């Protein structure tokens, strides 16, 4: 069918990225590294979209459009998250998750 990299390699890479992102999200205390872990998870989803599009529907662009949508949502999420992190830093002078115990002013 398709010559080149087998589907299993894409799935192994995407699942490794996903679980590294989940591990980083659950174990890190810095808000920036938590945000980077979420971005890693979303990028692993994009790899799955593109890999399945290539192997299931090679002539169509559905996986590419889904990936572009995920990238747009991730950009908006990152912009909002960075604005929240900046406000937390201004209020508490730290971005450590455990040091922020109240979100009220």
N, C-alpha and C. Protein backbone atom coordinates (compact mmCIF):
# COMPACT_ATOMS: atom_id res chain seq x y z
N UNK A 1 0.83 -1.19 0.00
CA UNK A 1 0.00 0.00 0.00
C UNK A 1 0.87 1.25 0.00
N UNK A 2 1.29 1.72 1.17
CA UNK A 2 2.16 2.88 1.26
C UNK A 2 3.59 2.43 1.53
N UNK A 3 4.50 3.02 0.83
CA UNK A 3 5.91 2.76 1.08
C UNK A 3 6.42 3.79 2.07
N UNK A 4 7.29 3.37 2.95
CA UNK A 4 7.84 4.31 3.91
C UNK A 4 7.68 3.82 5.33
N UNK A 5 7.43 4.75 6.23
CA UNK A 5 7.37 4.45 7.65
C UNK A 5 6.04 3.75 7.98
N UNK A 6 6.09 2.63 8.69
CA UNK A 6 4.83 1.95 9.06
C UNK A 6 4.02 2.75 10.09
N UNK A 7 2.74 2.47 10.12
CA UNK A 7 1.82 3.16 11.03
C UNK A 7 2.21 2.95 12.48
N UNK A 8 2.72 1.78 12.82
CA UNK A 8 3.07 1.48 14.20
C UNK A 8 4.12 2.43 14.75
N UNK A 9 5.04 2.87 13.92
CA UNK A 9 6.08 3.80 14.38
C UNK A 9 5.47 5.14 14.78
N UNK A 10 4.52 5.63 13.99
CA UNK A 10 3.84 6.87 14.33
C UNK A 10 3.07 6.72 15.64
N UNK A 11 2.41 5.58 15.81
CA UNK A 11 1.62 5.35 17.02
C UNK A 11 2.51 5.23 18.25
N UNK A 12 3.66 4.59 18.10
CA UNK A 12 4.60 4.49 19.22
C UNK A 12 5.12 5.86 19.60
N UNK A 13 5.49 6.66 18.62
CA UNK A 13 5.97 8.02 18.90
C UNK A 13 4.89 8.86 19.56
N UNK A 14 3.67 8.80 19.03
CA UNK A 14 2.58 9.60 19.59
C UNK A 14 2.23 9.15 21.01
N UNK A 15 2.21 7.86 21.25
CA UNK A 15 1.87 7.41 22.61
C UNK A 15 3.00 7.74 23.59
N UNK A 16 4.25 7.68 23.16
CA UNK A 16 5.36 8.09 24.03
C UNK A 16 5.25 9.58 24.37
N UNK A 17 4.97 10.40 23.37
CA UNK A 17 4.80 11.83 23.62
C UNK A 17 3.62 12.09 24.55
N UNK A 18 2.54 11.36 24.35
CA UNK A 18 1.35 11.55 25.18
C UNK A 18 1.65 11.22 26.64
N UNK A 19 2.29 10.09 26.88
CA UNK A 19 2.54 9.69 28.26
C UNK A 19 3.63 10.54 28.92
N UNK A 20 4.58 11.03 28.15
CA UNK A 20 5.54 11.98 28.70
C UNK A 20 4.83 13.27 29.10
N UNK A 21 3.89 13.71 28.28
CA UNK A 21 3.11 14.90 28.61
C UNK A 21 2.24 14.71 29.83
N UNK A 22 1.61 13.54 29.96
CA UNK A 22 0.79 13.26 31.14
C UNK A 22 1.66 13.19 32.38
N UNK A 23 2.82 12.55 32.28
CA UNK A 23 3.75 12.49 33.41
C UNK A 23 4.20 13.89 33.83
N UNK A 24 4.54 14.72 32.86
CA UNK A 24 4.95 16.09 33.17
C UNK A 24 3.83 16.90 33.77
N UNK A 25 2.61 16.68 33.30
CA UNK A 25 1.47 17.41 33.84
C UNK A 25 1.18 17.03 35.28
N UNK A 26 1.33 15.76 35.60
CA UNK A 26 1.00 15.29 36.94
C UNK A 26 2.12 15.50 37.96
N UNK A 27 3.36 15.59 37.53
CA UNK A 27 4.47 15.64 38.48
C UNK A 27 5.10 17.02 38.63
N UNK A 28 4.95 17.88 37.68
CA UNK A 28 5.61 19.18 37.75
C UNK A 28 4.83 20.16 38.60
N UNK A 29 5.55 21.13 39.16
CA UNK A 29 4.93 22.13 40.01
C UNK A 29 4.95 23.52 39.36
N UNK A 30 5.73 23.69 38.34
CA UNK A 30 5.85 24.98 37.66
C UNK A 30 4.75 25.09 36.61
N UNK A 31 4.06 26.22 36.58
CA UNK A 31 2.95 26.38 35.63
C UNK A 31 3.41 26.37 34.18
N UNK A 32 4.60 26.87 33.91
CA UNK A 32 5.11 26.87 32.53
C UNK A 32 5.36 25.45 32.05
N UNK A 33 5.94 24.61 32.90
CA UNK A 33 6.19 23.23 32.48
C UNK A 33 4.88 22.44 32.37
N UNK A 34 3.90 22.78 33.17
CA UNK A 34 2.58 22.15 33.02
C UNK A 34 1.97 22.54 31.67
N UNK A 35 2.10 23.80 31.30
CA UNK A 35 1.60 24.26 30.00
C UNK A 35 2.34 23.56 28.86
N UNK A 36 3.64 23.39 29.00
CA UNK A 36 4.41 22.68 27.97
C UNK A 36 3.98 21.22 27.88
N UNK A 37 3.62 20.61 28.99
CA UNK A 37 3.15 19.23 28.98
C UNK A 37 1.82 19.10 28.25
N UNK A 38 0.94 20.06 28.45
CA UNK A 38 -0.34 20.05 27.73
C UNK A 38 -0.10 20.21 26.23
N UNK A 39 0.82 21.06 25.86
CA UNK A 39 1.14 21.22 24.44
C UNK A 39 1.72 19.94 23.85
N UNK A 40 2.51 19.23 24.64
CA UNK A 40 3.06 17.95 24.19
C UNK A 40 1.95 16.93 23.95
N UNK A 41 0.97 16.92 24.83
CA UNK A 41 -0.18 16.02 24.66
C UNK A 41 -0.94 16.37 23.38
N UNK A 42 -1.17 17.65 23.15
CA UNK A 42 -1.90 18.06 21.94
C UNK A 42 -1.12 17.74 20.67
N UNK A 43 0.20 17.85 20.71
CA UNK A 43 1.01 17.50 19.54
C UNK A 43 0.98 16.00 19.27
N UNK A 44 0.90 15.19 20.32
CA UNK A 44 0.79 13.75 20.09
C UNK A 44 -0.54 13.40 19.41
N UNK A 45 -1.60 14.14 19.77
CA UNK A 45 -2.89 13.95 19.10
C UNK A 45 -2.78 14.33 17.63
N UNK A 46 -2.07 15.40 17.33
CA UNK A 46 -1.88 15.80 15.93
C UNK A 46 -1.15 14.72 15.13
N UNK A 47 -0.15 14.10 15.74
CA UNK A 47 0.56 13.02 15.04
C UNK A 47 -0.40 11.88 14.72
N UNK A 48 -1.27 11.56 15.67
CA UNK A 48 -2.26 10.49 15.41
C UNK A 48 -3.21 10.88 14.28
N UNK A 49 -3.69 12.11 14.29
CA UNK A 49 -4.58 12.55 13.21
C UNK A 49 -3.91 12.40 11.85
N UNK A 50 -2.67 12.85 11.75
CA UNK A 50 -1.98 12.81 10.46
C UNK A 50 -1.63 11.39 10.05
N UNK A 51 -1.23 10.57 11.00
CA UNK A 51 -0.87 9.19 10.66
C UNK A 51 -2.09 8.40 10.20
N UNK A 52 -3.20 8.52 10.93
CA UNK A 52 -4.39 7.80 10.50
C UNK A 52 -4.95 8.34 9.20
N UNK A 53 -4.82 9.63 8.96
CA UNK A 53 -5.26 10.18 7.68
C UNK A 53 -4.43 9.60 6.55
N UNK A 54 -3.12 9.48 6.76
CA UNK A 54 -2.25 8.98 5.70
C UNK A 54 -2.55 7.52 5.37
N UNK A 55 -2.84 6.72 6.38
CA UNK A 55 -3.01 5.29 6.14
C UNK A 55 -4.45 4.89 5.86
N UNK A 56 -5.43 5.61 6.35
CA UNK A 56 -6.81 5.22 6.11
C UNK A 56 -7.42 5.94 4.91
N UNK A 57 -7.11 7.21 4.76
CA UNK A 57 -7.66 8.02 3.67
C UNK A 57 -6.53 8.80 3.00
N UNK A 58 -5.70 8.13 2.20
CA UNK A 58 -4.51 8.80 1.67
C UNK A 58 -4.79 9.96 0.72
N UNK A 59 -5.95 9.98 0.09
CA UNK A 59 -6.24 11.05 -0.85
C UNK A 59 -6.95 12.25 -0.25
N UNK A 60 -7.35 12.15 1.00
CA UNK A 60 -8.14 13.22 1.62
C UNK A 60 -7.30 14.02 2.60
N UNK A 61 -7.82 15.16 3.00
CA UNK A 61 -7.10 16.06 3.90
C UNK A 61 -7.82 16.24 5.24
N UNK A 62 -8.67 15.30 5.62
CA UNK A 62 -9.43 15.45 6.86
C UNK A 62 -8.52 15.53 8.08
N UNK A 63 -7.52 14.68 8.16
CA UNK A 63 -6.60 14.69 9.29
C UNK A 63 -5.82 15.98 9.38
N UNK A 64 -5.49 16.55 8.22
CA UNK A 64 -4.77 17.83 8.21
C UNK A 64 -5.63 18.96 8.75
N UNK A 65 -6.91 18.96 8.38
CA UNK A 65 -7.81 19.99 8.88
C UNK A 65 -8.04 19.86 10.38
N UNK A 66 -8.18 18.62 10.87
CA UNK A 66 -8.31 18.42 12.31
C UNK A 66 -7.05 18.90 13.04
N UNK A 67 -5.89 18.62 12.46
CA UNK A 67 -4.64 19.06 13.09
C UNK A 67 -4.54 20.57 13.12
N UNK A 68 -4.95 21.23 12.05
CA UNK A 68 -4.94 22.70 12.05
C UNK A 68 -5.91 23.26 13.09
N UNK A 69 -7.05 22.62 13.25
CA UNK A 69 -8.00 23.04 14.28
C UNK A 69 -7.41 22.87 15.67
N UNK A 70 -6.74 21.74 15.93
CA UNK A 70 -6.11 21.52 17.23
C UNK A 70 -5.00 22.53 17.47
N UNK A 71 -4.25 22.87 16.45
CA UNK A 71 -3.19 23.88 16.59
C UNK A 71 -3.79 25.24 16.92
N UNK A 72 -4.89 25.59 16.29
CA UNK A 72 -5.54 26.87 16.59
C UNK A 72 -6.08 26.90 18.01
N UNK A 73 -6.69 25.81 18.45
CA UNK A 73 -7.19 25.74 19.82
C UNK A 73 -6.02 25.79 20.81
N UNK A 74 -4.93 25.12 20.49
CA UNK A 74 -3.76 25.13 21.38
C UNK A 74 -3.15 26.52 21.46
N UNK A 75 -3.14 27.26 20.37
CA UNK A 75 -2.60 28.62 20.41
C UNK A 75 -3.47 29.52 21.28
N UNK A 76 -4.77 29.39 21.15
CA UNK A 76 -5.67 30.18 22.01
C UNK A 76 -5.53 29.78 23.47
N UNK A 77 -5.42 28.49 23.72
CA UNK A 77 -5.24 28.00 25.09
C UNK A 77 -3.94 28.49 25.68
N UNK A 78 -2.88 28.50 24.89
CA UNK A 78 -1.58 28.98 25.38
C UNK A 78 -1.62 30.47 25.68
N UNK A 79 -2.30 31.23 24.85
CA UNK A 79 -2.39 32.68 25.08
C UNK A 79 -3.14 32.98 26.37
N UNK A 80 -4.25 32.29 26.59
CA UNK A 80 -5.03 32.49 27.82
C UNK A 80 -4.24 32.01 29.04
N UNK A 81 -3.58 30.87 28.91
CA UNK A 81 -2.81 30.33 30.03
C UNK A 81 -1.64 31.24 30.40
N UNK A 82 -0.96 31.79 29.41
CA UNK A 82 0.16 32.70 29.70
C UNK A 82 -0.35 33.97 30.36
N UNK A 83 -1.51 34.47 29.94
CA UNK A 83 -2.08 35.65 30.60
C UNK A 83 -2.43 35.35 32.05
N UNK A 84 -2.98 34.17 32.31
CA UNK A 84 -3.29 33.78 33.69
C UNK A 84 -2.01 33.62 34.50
N UNK A 85 -0.99 33.02 33.92
CA UNK A 85 0.29 32.84 34.62
C UNK A 85 0.91 34.19 34.96
N UNK A 86 0.85 35.15 34.04
CA UNK A 86 1.39 36.48 34.31
C UNK A 86 0.64 37.14 35.46
N UNK A 87 -0.68 37.02 35.49
CA UNK A 87 -1.46 37.59 36.59
C UNK A 87 -1.16 36.89 37.92
N UNK A 88 -0.97 35.60 37.90
CA UNK A 88 -0.61 34.88 39.12
C UNK A 88 0.77 35.31 39.60
N UNK A 89 1.69 35.49 38.68
CA UNK A 89 3.03 35.93 39.07
C UNK A 89 3.00 37.34 39.67
N UNK A 90 2.20 38.22 39.08
CA UNK A 90 2.09 39.57 39.63
C UNK A 90 1.48 39.57 41.02
N UNK A 91 0.54 38.68 41.25
CA UNK A 91 -0.16 38.65 42.54
C UNK A 91 0.66 37.95 43.62
N UNK A 92 1.26 36.80 43.29
CA UNK A 92 1.94 35.98 44.29
C UNK A 92 3.46 35.96 44.16
N UNK A 93 4.02 36.55 43.12
CA UNK A 93 5.46 36.57 42.78
C UNK A 93 6.05 35.16 42.71
N UNK A 94 5.26 34.21 42.29
CA UNK A 94 5.74 32.86 42.04
C UNK A 94 4.81 32.20 41.02
N UNK A 95 5.34 31.20 40.32
CA UNK A 95 4.50 30.42 39.41
C UNK A 95 4.50 28.95 39.84
N UNK A 96 4.86 28.71 41.09
CA UNK A 96 4.79 27.37 41.65
C UNK A 96 3.34 27.07 42.03
N UNK A 97 2.84 25.94 41.60
CA UNK A 97 1.44 25.59 41.79
C UNK A 97 1.09 25.48 43.28
N UNK A 98 1.98 24.93 44.06
CA UNK A 98 1.69 24.71 45.48
C UNK A 98 1.68 26.01 46.28
N UNK A 99 2.36 27.03 45.80
CA UNK A 99 2.40 28.31 46.52
C UNK A 99 1.16 29.16 46.28
N UNK A 100 0.43 28.87 45.22
CA UNK A 100 -0.78 29.61 44.90
C UNK A 100 -1.95 28.88 45.54
N UNK A 101 -2.43 29.40 46.66
CA UNK A 101 -3.49 28.70 47.38
C UNK A 101 -4.82 29.43 47.34
N UNK A 102 -4.86 30.60 46.74
CA UNK A 102 -6.10 31.35 46.67
C UNK A 102 -6.14 32.11 45.36
N UNK A 103 -7.28 32.06 44.68
CA UNK A 103 -7.42 32.81 43.43
C UNK A 103 -8.27 34.05 43.61
N UNK A 104 -8.69 34.34 44.84
CA UNK A 104 -9.47 35.54 45.11
C UNK A 104 -8.53 36.70 45.42
N UNK A 105 -9.02 37.91 45.13
CA UNK A 105 -8.23 39.11 45.47
C UNK A 105 -8.67 39.66 46.78
